[in-house]
Amino acid sequence: MIVLDGSKMTDRAALHAELKRKLELPDYYGGNLDALNDCLGERRERALIVVENANALLEENGDYGAAMLRVILNNGNQVLLN
């Protein structure tokens, strides 16, 4: 289980910094949704990803935050919003 803190994802840069750190993404991670999709697609293991403070994530990032969640789901992971 991986826990993301939506309250730390106050803008796109902070969102991608939290993803890189918590998902242990490679150094070449490009910090955008296409790069997230590519990196998650390279993984063999799937995870349960819990997003604490999900309301803050969605309030601060709107459609971009929702798109990020879709990328995670589309790569076979489970997401629990808390």
N, C-alpha and C. Protein backbone atom coordinates (compact mmCIF):
# COMPACT_ATOMS: atom_id res chain seq x y z
N MET A 1 0.85 -1.17 0.00
CA MET A 1 0.00 0.00 0.00
C MET A 1 0.90 1.24 0.00
N ILE A 2 0.53 2.19 -0.84
CA ILE A 2 1.25 3.45 -0.95
C ILE A 2 0.28 4.56 -0.55
N VAL A 3 0.74 5.46 0.32
CA VAL A 3 -0.11 6.55 0.79
C VAL A 3 0.42 7.86 0.23
N LEU A 4 -0.43 8.55 -0.52
CA LEU A 4 -0.13 9.88 -1.03
C LEU A 4 -0.86 10.90 -0.17
N ASP A 5 -0.27 12.05 0.04
CA ASP A 5 -0.91 13.11 0.82
C ASP A 5 -1.36 14.22 -0.12
N GLY A 6 -2.66 14.26 -0.36
CA GLY A 6 -3.22 15.26 -1.27
C GLY A 6 -2.98 16.68 -0.81
N SER A 7 -2.81 16.90 0.50
CA SER A 7 -2.58 18.26 0.99
C SER A 7 -1.18 18.77 0.61
N LYS A 8 -0.28 17.88 0.22
CA LYS A 8 1.05 18.28 -0.24
C LYS A 8 1.08 18.53 -1.74
N MET A 9 -0.01 18.22 -2.42
CA MET A 9 -0.08 18.34 -3.88
C MET A 9 -0.79 19.64 -4.24
N THR A 10 -0.17 20.76 -3.88
CA THR A 10 -0.81 22.06 -4.00
C THR A 10 -0.78 22.65 -5.41
N ASP A 11 0.06 22.12 -6.27
CA ASP A 11 0.11 22.52 -7.67
C ASP A 11 0.74 21.36 -8.45
N ARG A 12 0.89 21.53 -9.74
CA ARG A 12 1.40 20.42 -10.57
C ARG A 12 2.80 20.00 -10.16
N ALA A 13 3.67 20.95 -9.88
CA ALA A 13 5.04 20.60 -9.49
C ALA A 13 5.05 19.81 -8.18
N ALA A 14 4.27 20.26 -7.21
CA ALA A 14 4.20 19.56 -5.93
C ALA A 14 3.54 18.19 -6.08
N LEU A 15 2.54 18.10 -6.94
CA LEU A 15 1.87 16.83 -7.22
C LEU A 15 2.87 15.81 -7.74
N HIS A 16 3.66 16.23 -8.72
CA HIS A 16 4.62 15.30 -9.31
C HIS A 16 5.78 14.99 -8.37
N ALA A 17 6.15 15.93 -7.52
CA ALA A 17 7.20 15.66 -6.53
C ALA A 17 6.72 14.60 -5.55
N GLU A 18 5.47 14.69 -5.10
CA GLU A 18 4.91 13.69 -4.18
C GLU A 18 4.82 12.33 -4.87
N LEU A 19 4.38 12.30 -6.12
CA LEU A 19 4.30 11.04 -6.86
C LEU A 19 5.68 10.41 -7.02
N LYS A 20 6.66 11.23 -7.40
CA LYS A 20 8.02 10.71 -7.61
C LYS A 20 8.57 10.10 -6.33
N ARG A 21 8.36 10.79 -5.22
CA ARG A 21 8.90 10.32 -3.95
C ARG A 21 8.17 9.07 -3.45
N LYS A 22 6.85 9.12 -3.42
CA LYS A 22 6.08 8.04 -2.83
C LYS A 22 6.01 6.79 -3.72
N LEU A 23 5.98 7.00 -5.04
CA LEU A 23 5.92 5.86 -5.96
C LEU A 23 7.31 5.38 -6.36
N GLU A 24 8.33 6.08 -5.83
CA GLU A 24 9.72 5.74 -6.12
C GLU A 24 9.96 5.68 -7.64
N LEU A 25 9.56 6.75 -8.30
CA LEU A 25 9.72 6.84 -9.75
C LEU A 25 11.19 7.12 -10.07
N PRO A 26 11.63 6.70 -11.25
CA PRO A 26 13.05 6.85 -11.61
C PRO A 26 13.47 8.30 -11.78
N ASP A 27 14.78 8.52 -11.76
CA ASP A 27 15.33 9.87 -11.90
C ASP A 27 14.92 10.53 -13.21
N TYR A 28 14.70 9.73 -14.25
CA TYR A 28 14.33 10.30 -15.55
C TYR A 28 12.84 10.65 -15.65
N TYR A 29 12.09 10.45 -14.57
CA TYR A 29 10.66 10.78 -14.57
C TYR A 29 10.47 12.24 -14.98
N GLY A 30 9.64 12.47 -15.97
CA GLY A 30 9.50 13.80 -16.57
C GLY A 30 8.57 14.76 -15.87
N GLY A 31 7.86 14.32 -14.83
CA GLY A 31 7.01 15.24 -14.09
C GLY A 31 5.80 15.72 -14.84
N ASN A 32 5.18 14.84 -15.63
CA ASN A 32 3.93 15.15 -16.31
C ASN A 32 3.11 13.86 -16.42
N LEU A 33 1.88 13.96 -16.85
CA LEU A 33 1.01 12.79 -16.87
C LEU A 33 1.44 11.75 -17.89
N ASP A 34 1.99 12.16 -19.01
CA ASP A 34 2.50 11.18 -19.98
C ASP A 34 3.65 10.39 -19.38
N ALA A 35 4.55 11.08 -18.68
CA ALA A 35 5.68 10.40 -18.04
C ALA A 35 5.19 9.47 -16.94
N LEU A 36 4.18 9.90 -16.18
CA LEU A 36 3.60 9.05 -15.14
C LEU A 36 3.04 7.78 -15.76
N ASN A 37 2.31 7.94 -16.85
CA ASN A 37 1.74 6.78 -17.55
C ASN A 37 2.84 5.84 -18.02
N ASP A 38 3.90 6.38 -18.59
CA ASP A 38 5.01 5.56 -19.06
C ASP A 38 5.67 4.80 -17.91
N CYS A 39 5.95 5.51 -16.82
CA CYS A 39 6.64 4.87 -15.69
C CYS A 39 5.77 3.80 -15.03
N LEU A 40 4.49 4.09 -14.87
CA LEU A 40 3.61 3.08 -14.26
C LEU A 40 3.43 1.89 -15.19
N GLY A 41 3.42 2.15 -16.49
CA GLY A 41 3.29 1.06 -17.45
C GLY A 41 4.48 0.13 -17.46
N GLU A 42 5.64 0.61 -17.04
CA GLU A 42 6.85 -0.22 -16.98
C GLU A 42 6.87 -1.14 -15.77
N ARG A 43 6.04 -0.85 -14.79
CA ARG A 43 6.04 -1.65 -13.56
C ARG A 43 5.27 -2.95 -13.75
N ARG A 44 5.78 -3.98 -13.16
CA ARG A 44 5.07 -5.26 -13.19
C ARG A 44 4.08 -5.37 -12.04
N GLU A 45 4.46 -4.84 -10.89
CA GLU A 45 3.59 -4.95 -9.73
C GLU A 45 2.55 -3.83 -9.73
N ARG A 46 1.40 -4.14 -9.24
CA ARG A 46 0.33 -3.16 -9.10
C ARG A 46 0.16 -2.88 -7.62
N ALA A 47 -0.41 -1.74 -7.29
CA ALA A 47 -0.47 -1.34 -5.89
C ALA A 47 -1.84 -0.80 -5.53
N LEU A 48 -2.10 -0.82 -4.24
CA LEU A 48 -3.22 -0.09 -3.68
C LEU A 48 -2.66 1.27 -3.28
N ILE A 49 -3.21 2.33 -3.85
CA ILE A 49 -2.73 3.68 -3.57
C ILE A 49 -3.84 4.42 -2.83
N VAL A 50 -3.53 4.82 -1.61
CA VAL A 50 -4.47 5.56 -0.78
C VAL A 50 -4.11 7.04 -0.89
N VAL A 51 -5.10 7.85 -1.21
CA VAL A 51 -4.88 9.29 -1.30
C VAL A 51 -5.54 9.93 -0.09
N GLU A 52 -4.72 10.28 0.90
CA GLU A 52 -5.22 11.01 2.06
C GLU A 52 -5.46 12.45 1.63
N ASN A 53 -6.43 13.10 2.24
CA ASN A 53 -6.76 14.50 1.89
C ASN A 53 -7.05 14.64 0.40
N ALA A 54 -7.81 13.70 -0.13
CA ALA A 54 -8.13 13.71 -1.56
C ALA A 54 -8.88 14.97 -1.97
N ASN A 55 -9.70 15.51 -1.07
CA ASN A 55 -10.43 16.74 -1.40
C ASN A 55 -9.47 17.89 -1.69
N ALA A 56 -8.38 17.98 -0.92
CA ALA A 56 -7.39 19.03 -1.15
C ALA A 56 -6.73 18.85 -2.51
N LEU A 57 -6.39 17.61 -2.84
CA LEU A 57 -5.79 17.33 -4.15
C LEU A 57 -6.69 17.82 -5.27
N LEU A 58 -7.96 17.46 -5.20
CA LEU A 58 -8.89 17.80 -6.27
C LEU A 58 -9.24 19.29 -6.28
N GLU A 59 -9.30 19.91 -5.11
CA GLU A 59 -9.58 21.35 -5.06
C GLU A 59 -8.43 22.15 -5.65
N GLU A 60 -7.20 21.77 -5.35
CA GLU A 60 -6.03 22.52 -5.81
C GLU A 60 -5.70 22.25 -7.27
N ASN A 61 -6.01 21.05 -7.76
CA ASN A 61 -5.58 20.65 -9.10
C ASN A 61 -6.72 20.41 -10.08
N GLY A 62 -7.94 20.40 -9.61
CA GLY A 62 -9.11 20.27 -10.47
C GLY A 62 -9.03 19.09 -11.43
N ASP A 63 -9.27 19.37 -12.71
CA ASP A 63 -9.29 18.33 -13.73
C ASP A 63 -7.94 17.61 -13.85
N TYR A 64 -6.85 18.33 -13.59
CA TYR A 64 -5.53 17.72 -13.68
C TYR A 64 -5.37 16.65 -12.61
N GLY A 65 -5.86 16.92 -11.40
CA GLY A 65 -5.81 15.93 -10.33
C GLY A 65 -6.64 14.70 -10.67
N ALA A 66 -7.82 14.93 -11.24
CA ALA A 66 -8.67 13.82 -11.65
C ALA A 66 -8.01 13.02 -12.76
N ALA A 67 -7.35 13.69 -13.69
CA ALA A 67 -6.64 13.00 -14.77
C ALA A 67 -5.50 12.16 -14.22
N MET A 68 -4.81 12.67 -13.21
CA MET A 68 -3.73 11.92 -12.57
C MET A 68 -4.27 10.62 -11.96
N LEU A 69 -5.41 10.71 -11.31
CA LEU A 69 -6.03 9.50 -10.73
C LEU A 69 -6.40 8.50 -11.82
N ARG A 70 -6.90 8.99 -12.94
CA ARG A 70 -7.25 8.09 -14.06
C ARG A 70 -6.01 7.38 -14.60
N VAL A 71 -4.89 8.09 -14.70
CA VAL A 71 -3.65 7.46 -15.17
C VAL A 71 -3.26 6.33 -14.23
N ILE A 72 -3.34 6.57 -12.94
CA ILE A 72 -2.99 5.54 -11.97
C ILE A 72 -3.92 4.34 -12.12
N LEU A 73 -5.22 4.59 -12.23
CA LEU A 73 -6.19 3.51 -12.38
C LEU A 73 -6.02 2.76 -13.70
N ASN A 74 -5.76 3.47 -14.77
CA ASN A 74 -5.62 2.85 -16.09
C ASN A 74 -4.41 1.94 -16.18
N ASN A 75 -3.50 2.07 -15.23
CA ASN A 75 -2.32 1.21 -15.21
C ASN A 75 -2.49 0.05 -14.24
N GLY A 76 -3.72 -0.27 -13.89
CA GLY A 76 -4.01 -1.48 -13.11
C GLY A 76 -3.89 -1.34 -11.62
N ASN A 77 -3.72 -0.14 -11.13
CA ASN A 77 -3.63 0.08 -9.69
C ASN A 77 -5.01 0.33 -9.12
N GLN A 78 -5.14 0.15 -7.83
CA GLN A 78 -6.38 0.49 -7.13
C GLN A 78 -6.14 1.79 -6.40
N VAL A 79 -7.17 2.63 -6.34
CA VAL A 79 -7.07 3.92 -5.66
C VAL A 79 -8.19 4.02 -4.65
N LEU A 80 -7.81 4.40 -3.45
CA LEU A 80 -8.78 4.65 -2.38
C LEU A 80 -8.64 6.11 -1.98
N LEU A 81 -9.72 6.87 -2.12
CA LEU A 81 -9.71 8.28 -1.75
C LEU A 81 -10.18 8.41 -0.31
N ASN A 82 -9.44 9.13 0.47
CA ASN A 82 -9.75 9.27 1.88
C ASN A 82 -9.75 10.73 2.26
